[in-house]
Structures are given as structure tokens and as C-alpha cells.
């Protein structure tokens, strides 16, 4: 199959898009169902279902029969959540933060995917000599861009959390100092 012009607004799953979709699915092995994930991390299924409803836990993919599957990365994410709970963060607060995070990330995901399609996929498809070349270039771009995006977002969140915490603590210290010296 050769690259063909696709009118604006029309989409087709051709060789380059199929290769990109395959690269996304094969990103990590996801063998655990929800019960397996619960057993792996030592949590209850009910807890994981609540976290899933809040949007903090998303399955890697669904099997043909609709069974949600989770990966080693999901195991680590759940363990991180358990660390927060063990440190004293109430479950209700964690779920509230999870809902807010999911809403914010969901709002960002569509424009981010649109940007990738417009500024990476479409130009690659338009400048590649063949579908095989386009497929290879798209998969390479995805493999480079996803980890870079993850690092950028994690770095930004860390900096935002630390700056917010520092400002809050400074304000409280100033208030406490002001109350101590009338």
C-alpha cells in the first residue's frame, strides 16, 4: 500500500497507523487481571475498584472478553498509592486527588494527541517515501516522545508540588511568627 492523500477530517488505519498502534499496545506486558493485581500488591479488590472508579487506575487494555489487564507499571503505581495511604493520607483524600488528576489529565490528553497527529504523524506520512518508512519513523517518534513527555510532566508536577508546599509553609511560618510577636 502506498501513501495516499487523505482529505482533512478523514482517517484511515493504514500501515503506518497500524504500526504505531501496535507499538503502543506492545509497550509493556499486561498479564494481571484486577484480582491478580490485588494479590500482587496486597490490597483488596474493593480498594482497587474504588481507585479505578476515581480514574487513578486505568487498565492497560481489555481482553477480547472484556477482562481488564494490568502491567508491572500498574503494580508499581498501586504500590505508590499504598505508600501514600500508609503515610497517613486518608483514602477519601487520595480518591479526591485522583478524580481531580484524572479530570485534568483527560482534558490535556486530547489536545496532546491532536498535536502529535498534526505535527508528527501527518508530516511523516506526507514526507515518507513508503508506508514502511513512515511506519518506522512514527514508531521511532513515539518511542522517543512518550518517555520524554512522561519525564517532562513528572518534573513539572514535582516542581509545582514543591513550590506550592514551600509557599504554603512560608506563609504559615510568617503567620505564626506574626502571632508570636504582637
C-alpha atoms as a PDB file:
ATOM      1  CA  UNK A   1       0.000   0.000   0.000  1.00  0.00           C
ATOM      2  CA  UNK A   2       1.334   3.447  -0.804  1.00  0.00           C
ATOM      3  CA  UNK A   3       0.647   6.676   0.978  1.00  0.00           C
ATOM      4  CA  UNK A   4      -2.386   8.397  -0.431  1.00  0.00           C
ATOM      5  CA  UNK A   5      -3.720  11.856   0.224  1.00  0.00           C
ATOM      6  CA  UNK A   6      -6.475  11.724   2.815  1.00  0.00           C
ATOM      7  CA  UNK A   7      -8.864  14.696   2.820  1.00  0.00           C
ATOM      8  CA  UNK A   8      -8.981  16.730   6.032  1.00  0.00           C
ATOM      9  CA  UNK A   9     -11.252  15.149   8.621  1.00  0.00           C
ATOM     10  CA  UNK A  10     -10.963  11.638   7.160  1.00  0.00           C
ATOM     11  CA  UNK A  11      -8.861   8.987   8.854  1.00  0.00           C
ATOM     12  CA  UNK A  12      -7.754   5.555   7.804  1.00  0.00           C
ATOM     13  CA  UNK A  13      -5.827   2.901   9.682  1.00  0.00           C
ATOM     14  CA  UNK A  14      -3.090   2.156   7.190  1.00  0.00           C
ATOM     15  CA  UNK A  15       0.298   0.517   7.647  1.00  0.00           C
ATOM     16  CA  UNK A  16       1.925   3.491   9.456  1.00  0.00           C
ATOM     17  CA  UNK A  17      -1.021   3.950  11.835  1.00  0.00           C
ATOM     18  CA  UNK A  18      -1.274   0.202  12.430  1.00  0.00           C
ATOM     19  CA  UNK A  19       2.450   0.036  13.276  1.00  0.00           C
ATOM     20  CA  UNK A  20       2.040   2.937  15.682  1.00  0.00           C
ATOM     21  CA  UNK A  21      -0.992   1.290  17.315  1.00  0.00           C
ATOM     22  CA  UNK A  22       0.963  -1.971  17.669  1.00  0.00           C
ATOM     23  CA  UNK A  23       3.890  -0.142  19.287  1.00  0.00           C
ATOM     24  CA  UNK A  24       1.520   1.388  21.826  1.00  0.00           C
ATOM     25  CA  UNK A  25      -0.107  -1.933  22.724  1.00  0.00           C
ATOM     26  CA  UNK A  26       3.209  -3.755  22.990  1.00  0.00           C
ATOM     27  CA  UNK A  27       4.616  -1.057  25.247  1.00  0.00           C
ATOM     28  CA  UNK A  28       4.527  -3.356  28.294  1.00  0.00           C
ATOM     29  CA  UNK A  29       3.327  -6.832  29.177  1.00  0.00           C
ATOM     30  CA  UNK A  30      -0.031  -6.803  30.962  1.00  0.00           C
ATOM     31  CA  UNK A  31      -0.890 -10.199  32.370  1.00  0.00           C
ATOM     32  CA  UNK A  32      -2.723  -9.397  35.592  1.00  0.00           C
ATOM     33  CA  UNK A  33      -6.469  -9.087  35.987  1.00  0.00           C
ATOM     34  CA  UNK A  34      -7.822  -6.998  38.875  1.00  0.00           C
ATOM     35  CA  UNK A  35      -7.732  -9.919  41.323  1.00  0.00           C
ATOM     36  CA  UNK A  36      -4.147 -10.697  40.291  1.00  0.00           C
ATOM     37  CA  UNK A  37      -3.174  -7.065  40.752  1.00  0.00           C
ATOM     38  CA  UNK A  38      -4.786  -7.025  44.200  1.00  0.00           C
ATOM     39  CA  UNK A  39      -2.900 -10.167  45.187  1.00  0.00           C
ATOM     40  CA  UNK A  40       0.375  -8.808  43.817  1.00  0.00           C
ATOM     41  CA  UNK A  41       0.211  -5.585  45.849  1.00  0.00           C
ATOM     42  CA  UNK A  42      -1.577  -6.912  48.937  1.00  0.00           C
ATOM     43  CA  UNK A  43      -4.652  -4.732  48.514  1.00  0.00           C
ATOM     44  CA  UNK A  44      -8.308  -5.614  48.385  1.00  0.00           C
ATOM     45  CA  UNK A  45     -10.238  -5.771  45.155  1.00  0.00           C
ATOM     46  CA  UNK A  46     -12.704  -3.252  46.624  1.00  0.00           C
ATOM     47  CA  UNK A  47      -9.907  -0.734  47.184  1.00  0.00           C
ATOM     48  CA  UNK A  48      -8.630  -1.144  43.627  1.00  0.00           C
ATOM     49  CA  UNK A  49     -12.153  -0.813  42.241  1.00  0.00           C
ATOM     50  CA  UNK A  50     -12.562   2.466  44.137  1.00  0.00           C
ATOM     51  CA  UNK A  51      -9.239   3.741  42.825  1.00  0.00           C
ATOM     52  CA  UNK A  52     -10.250   2.649  39.312  1.00  0.00           C
ATOM     53  CA  UNK A  53     -13.608   4.474  39.579  1.00  0.00           C
ATOM     54  CA  UNK A  54     -11.725   7.618  40.618  1.00  0.00           C
ATOM     55  CA  UNK A  55      -9.631   7.384  37.449  1.00  0.00           C
ATOM     56  CA  UNK A  56      -6.279   6.812  39.122  1.00  0.00           C
ATOM     57  CA  UNK A  57      -6.020   3.207  37.924  1.00  0.00           C
ATOM     58  CA  UNK A  58      -6.636   2.578  34.240  1.00  0.00           C
ATOM     59  CA  UNK A  59      -6.281  -0.875  32.713  1.00  0.00           C
ATOM     60  CA  UNK A  60      -3.500  -1.295  30.184  1.00  0.00           C
ATOM     61  CA  UNK A  61      -6.015  -2.923  27.867  1.00  0.00           C
ATOM     62  CA  UNK A  62      -9.130  -5.087  27.759  1.00  0.00           C
ATOM     63  CA  UNK A  63      -9.025  -8.692  26.592  1.00  0.00           C
ATOM     64  CA  UNK A  64     -11.438  -9.851  23.909  1.00  0.00           C
ATOM     65  CA  UNK A  65     -13.788 -10.985  26.682  1.00  0.00           C
ATOM     66  CA  UNK A  66     -13.673  -7.537  28.342  1.00  0.00           C
ATOM     67  CA  UNK A  67     -11.310  -8.507  31.169  1.00  0.00           C
ATOM     68  CA  UNK A  68      -9.162  -5.552  32.217  1.00  0.00           C
ATOM     69  CA  UNK A  69      -5.435  -6.305  32.216  1.00  0.00           C
ATOM     70  CA  UNK A  70      -2.749  -4.599  34.267  1.00  0.00           C
ATOM     71  CA  UNK A  71       1.032  -4.475  33.928  1.00  0.00           C
ATOM     72  CA  UNK A  72       4.090  -4.242  36.151  1.00  0.00           C
ATOM     73  CA  UNK A  73       3.855  -0.446  35.824  1.00  0.00           C
ATOM     74  CA  UNK A  74       0.338  -0.647  37.292  1.00  0.00           C
ATOM     75  CA  UNK A  75       1.709  -2.731  40.176  1.00  0.00           C
ATOM     76  CA  UNK A  76       4.258  -0.001  40.915  1.00  0.00           C
ATOM     77  CA  UNK A  77       1.625   2.748  40.662  1.00  0.00           C
ATOM     78  CA  UNK A  78      -0.674   0.950  43.115  1.00  0.00           C
ATOM     79  CA  UNK A  79       2.233   0.392  45.465  1.00  0.00           C
ATOM     80  CA  UNK A  80       2.953   4.128  45.319  1.00  0.00           C
ATOM     81  CA  UNK A  81      -0.660   4.816  46.267  1.00  0.00           C
ATOM     82  CA  UNK A  82      -0.383   2.398  49.162  1.00  0.00           C
ATOM     83  CA  UNK A  83       2.697   4.285  50.387  1.00  0.00           C
ATOM     84  CA  UNK A  84       0.574   7.450  50.498  1.00  0.00           C
ATOM     85  CA  UNK A  85      -2.139   5.663  52.463  1.00  0.00           C
ATOM     86  CA  UNK A  86       0.412   4.101  54.833  1.00  0.00           C
ATOM     87  CA  UNK A  87       1.910   7.558  55.434  1.00  0.00           C
ATOM     88  CA  UNK A  88      -1.471   8.748  56.696  1.00  0.00           C
ATOM     89  CA  UNK A  89      -3.247  10.212  53.669  1.00  0.00           C
ATOM     90  CA  UNK A  90      -6.912   9.286  54.088  1.00  0.00           C
ATOM     91  CA  UNK A  91      -8.404   7.179  51.302  1.00  0.00           C
ATOM     92  CA  UNK A  92     -11.096   9.795  50.658  1.00  0.00           C
ATOM     93  CA  UNK A  93      -8.436  12.461  50.088  1.00  0.00           C
ATOM     94  CA  UNK A  94      -6.461  10.174  47.771  1.00  0.00           C
ATOM     95  CA  UNK A  95      -9.612   9.416  45.763  1.00  0.00           C
ATOM     96  CA  UNK A  96     -10.474  13.133  45.579  1.00  0.00           C
ATOM     97  CA  UNK A  97      -6.981  13.940  44.304  1.00  0.00           C
ATOM     98  CA  UNK A  98      -7.279  11.010  41.891  1.00  0.00           C
ATOM     99  CA  UNK A  99     -10.548  12.348  40.452  1.00  0.00           C
ATOM    100  CA  UNK A 100      -9.097  15.826  40.054  1.00  0.00           C
ATOM    101  CA  UNK A 101      -5.932  14.462  38.464  1.00  0.00           C
ATOM    102  CA  UNK A 102      -7.890  12.287  36.064  1.00  0.00           C
ATOM    103  CA  UNK A 103     -10.074  15.224  35.026  1.00  0.00           C
ATOM    104  CA  UNK A 104      -7.029  17.431  34.410  1.00  0.00           C
ATOM    105  CA  UNK A 105      -5.091  14.761  32.531  1.00  0.00           C
ATOM    106  CA  UNK A 106      -8.127  13.808  30.456  1.00  0.00           C
ATOM    107  CA  UNK A 107      -8.545  17.455  29.480  1.00  0.00           C
ATOM    108  CA  UNK A 108      -4.915  17.545  28.308  1.00  0.00           C
ATOM    109  CA  UNK A 109      -4.840  14.150  26.539  1.00  0.00           C
ATOM    110  CA  UNK A 110      -6.994  15.025  23.510  1.00  0.00           C
ATOM    111  CA  UNK A 111      -5.069  18.175  22.558  1.00  0.00           C
ATOM    112  CA  UNK A 112      -1.766  16.347  23.128  1.00  0.00           C
ATOM    113  CA  UNK A 113      -2.806  13.502  20.820  1.00  0.00           C
ATOM    114  CA  UNK A 114      -4.114  16.015  18.278  1.00  0.00           C
ATOM    115  CA  UNK A 115      -0.750  17.815  18.361  1.00  0.00           C
ATOM    116  CA  UNK A 116       1.103  14.537  17.777  1.00  0.00           C
ATOM    117  CA  UNK A 117      -1.149  13.689  14.848  1.00  0.00           C
ATOM    118  CA  UNK A 118      -0.904  17.144  13.247  1.00  0.00           C
ATOM    119  CA  UNK A 119       2.756  17.894  13.839  1.00  0.00           C
ATOM    120  CA  UNK A 120       4.367  14.445  13.799  1.00  0.00           C
ATOM    121  CA  UNK A 121       2.196  11.806  12.167  1.00  0.00           C
ATOM    122  CA  UNK A 122       0.760  13.843   9.308  1.00  0.00           C
ATOM    123  CA  UNK A 123       4.115  15.347   8.240  1.00  0.00           C
ATOM    124  CA  UNK A 124       5.816  11.934   8.493  1.00  0.00           C
ATOM    125  CA  UNK A 125       3.137  10.396   6.314  1.00  0.00           C
ATOM    126  CA  UNK A 126       3.415  13.249   3.831  1.00  0.00           C
ATOM    127  CA  UNK A 127       7.205  13.128   3.530  1.00  0.00           C
ATOM    128  CA  UNK A 128       7.948   9.406   3.688  1.00  0.00           C
ATOM    129  CA  UNK A 129       8.738   7.544   0.511  1.00  0.00           C
ATOM    130  CA  UNK A 130       6.753   4.469   1.552  1.00  0.00           C
ATOM    131  CA  UNK A 131       4.387   3.179   4.182  1.00  0.00           C
ATOM    132  CA  UNK A 132       7.210   1.093   5.659  1.00  0.00           C
ATOM    133  CA  UNK A 133       9.406   4.172   6.066  1.00  0.00           C
ATOM    134  CA  UNK A 134       6.506   6.145   7.559  1.00  0.00           C
ATOM    135  CA  UNK A 135       5.733   3.295   9.952  1.00  0.00           C
ATOM    136  CA  UNK A 136       9.347   3.115  11.117  1.00  0.00           C
ATOM    137  CA  UNK A 137       9.568   6.885  11.597  1.00  0.00           C
ATOM    138  CA  UNK A 138       6.283   7.028  13.522  1.00  0.00           C
ATOM    139  CA  UNK A 139       7.214   4.190  15.856  1.00  0.00           C
ATOM    140  CA  UNK A 140      10.615   5.793  16.487  1.00  0.00           C
ATOM    141  CA  UNK A 141       8.982   9.159  17.214  1.00  0.00           C
ATOM    142  CA  UNK A 142       6.523   7.519  19.614  1.00  0.00           C
ATOM    143  CA  UNK A 143       9.292   5.586  21.388  1.00  0.00           C
ATOM    144  CA  UNK A 144      11.233   8.820  21.911  1.00  0.00           C
ATOM    145  CA  UNK A 145       8.360  11.174  22.643  1.00  0.00           C
ATOM    146  CA  UNK A 146       6.366   9.179  25.204  1.00  0.00           C
ATOM    147  CA  UNK A 147       9.223   8.798  27.723  1.00  0.00           C
ATOM    148  CA  UNK A 148      10.219  12.434  27.138  1.00  0.00           C
ATOM    149  CA  UNK A 149       6.630  13.518  27.821  1.00  0.00           C
ATOM    150  CA  UNK A 150       6.485  11.393  30.966  1.00  0.00           C
ATOM    151  CA  UNK A 151       9.727  12.933  32.274  1.00  0.00           C
ATOM    152  CA  UNK A 152       8.558  16.457  31.433  1.00  0.00           C
ATOM    153  CA  UNK A 153       5.170  16.040  33.120  1.00  0.00           C
ATOM    154  CA  UNK A 154       6.626  14.304  36.198  1.00  0.00           C
ATOM    155  CA  UNK A 155       9.272  17.030  36.505  1.00  0.00           C
ATOM    156  CA  UNK A 156       6.669  19.778  36.207  1.00  0.00           C
ATOM    157  CA  UNK A 157       4.376  18.147  38.778  1.00  0.00           C
ATOM    158  CA  UNK A 158       7.271  17.719  41.193  1.00  0.00           C
ATOM    159  CA  UNK A 159       8.329  21.356  40.812  1.00  0.00           C
ATOM    160  CA  UNK A 160       4.732  22.580  41.176  1.00  0.00           C
ATOM    161  CA  UNK A 161       4.183  20.479  44.322  1.00  0.00           C
ATOM    162  CA  UNK A 162       7.433  21.649  45.909  1.00  0.00           C
ATOM    163  CA  UNK A 163       6.829  25.318  45.046  1.00  0.00           C
ATOM    164  CA  UNK A 164       3.277  25.154  46.397  1.00  0.00           C
ATOM    165  CA  UNK A 165       4.403  23.411  49.583  1.00  0.00           C
ATOM    166  CA  UNK A 166       7.239  25.892  50.124  1.00  0.00           C
ATOM    167  CA  UNK A 167       4.919  28.872  49.628  1.00  0.00           C
ATOM    168  CA  UNK A 168       2.316  27.408  51.977  1.00  0.00           C
ATOM    169  CA  UNK A 169       4.877  26.622  54.683  1.00  0.00           C
ATOM    170  CA  UNK A 170       6.444  30.065  54.342  1.00  0.00           C
ATOM    171  CA  UNK A 171       3.049  31.742  54.705  1.00  0.00           C
ATOM    172  CA  UNK A 172       2.252  29.639  57.780  1.00  0.00           C
ATOM    173  CA  UNK A 173       5.643  30.406  59.328  1.00  0.00           C
ATOM    174  CA  UNK A 174       5.143  34.126  58.719  1.00  0.00           C
ATOM    175  CA  UNK A 175       1.670  33.958  60.229  1.00  0.00           C
ATOM    176  CA  UNK A 176       2.953  32.010  63.250  1.00  0.00           C
ATOM    177  CA  UNK A 177       5.834  34.470  63.651  1.00  0.00           C
ATOM    178  CA  UNK A 178       3.426  37.411  63.412  1.00  0.00           C
ATOM    179  CA  UNK A 179       1.140  35.900  66.065  1.00  0.00           C
ATOM    180  CA  UNK A 180       4.111  35.239  68.335  1.00  0.00           C
ATOM    181  CA  UNK A 181       5.290  38.894  68.102  1.00  0.00           C
ATOM    182  CA  UNK A 182       2.224  41.120  68.531  1.00  0.00           C
END
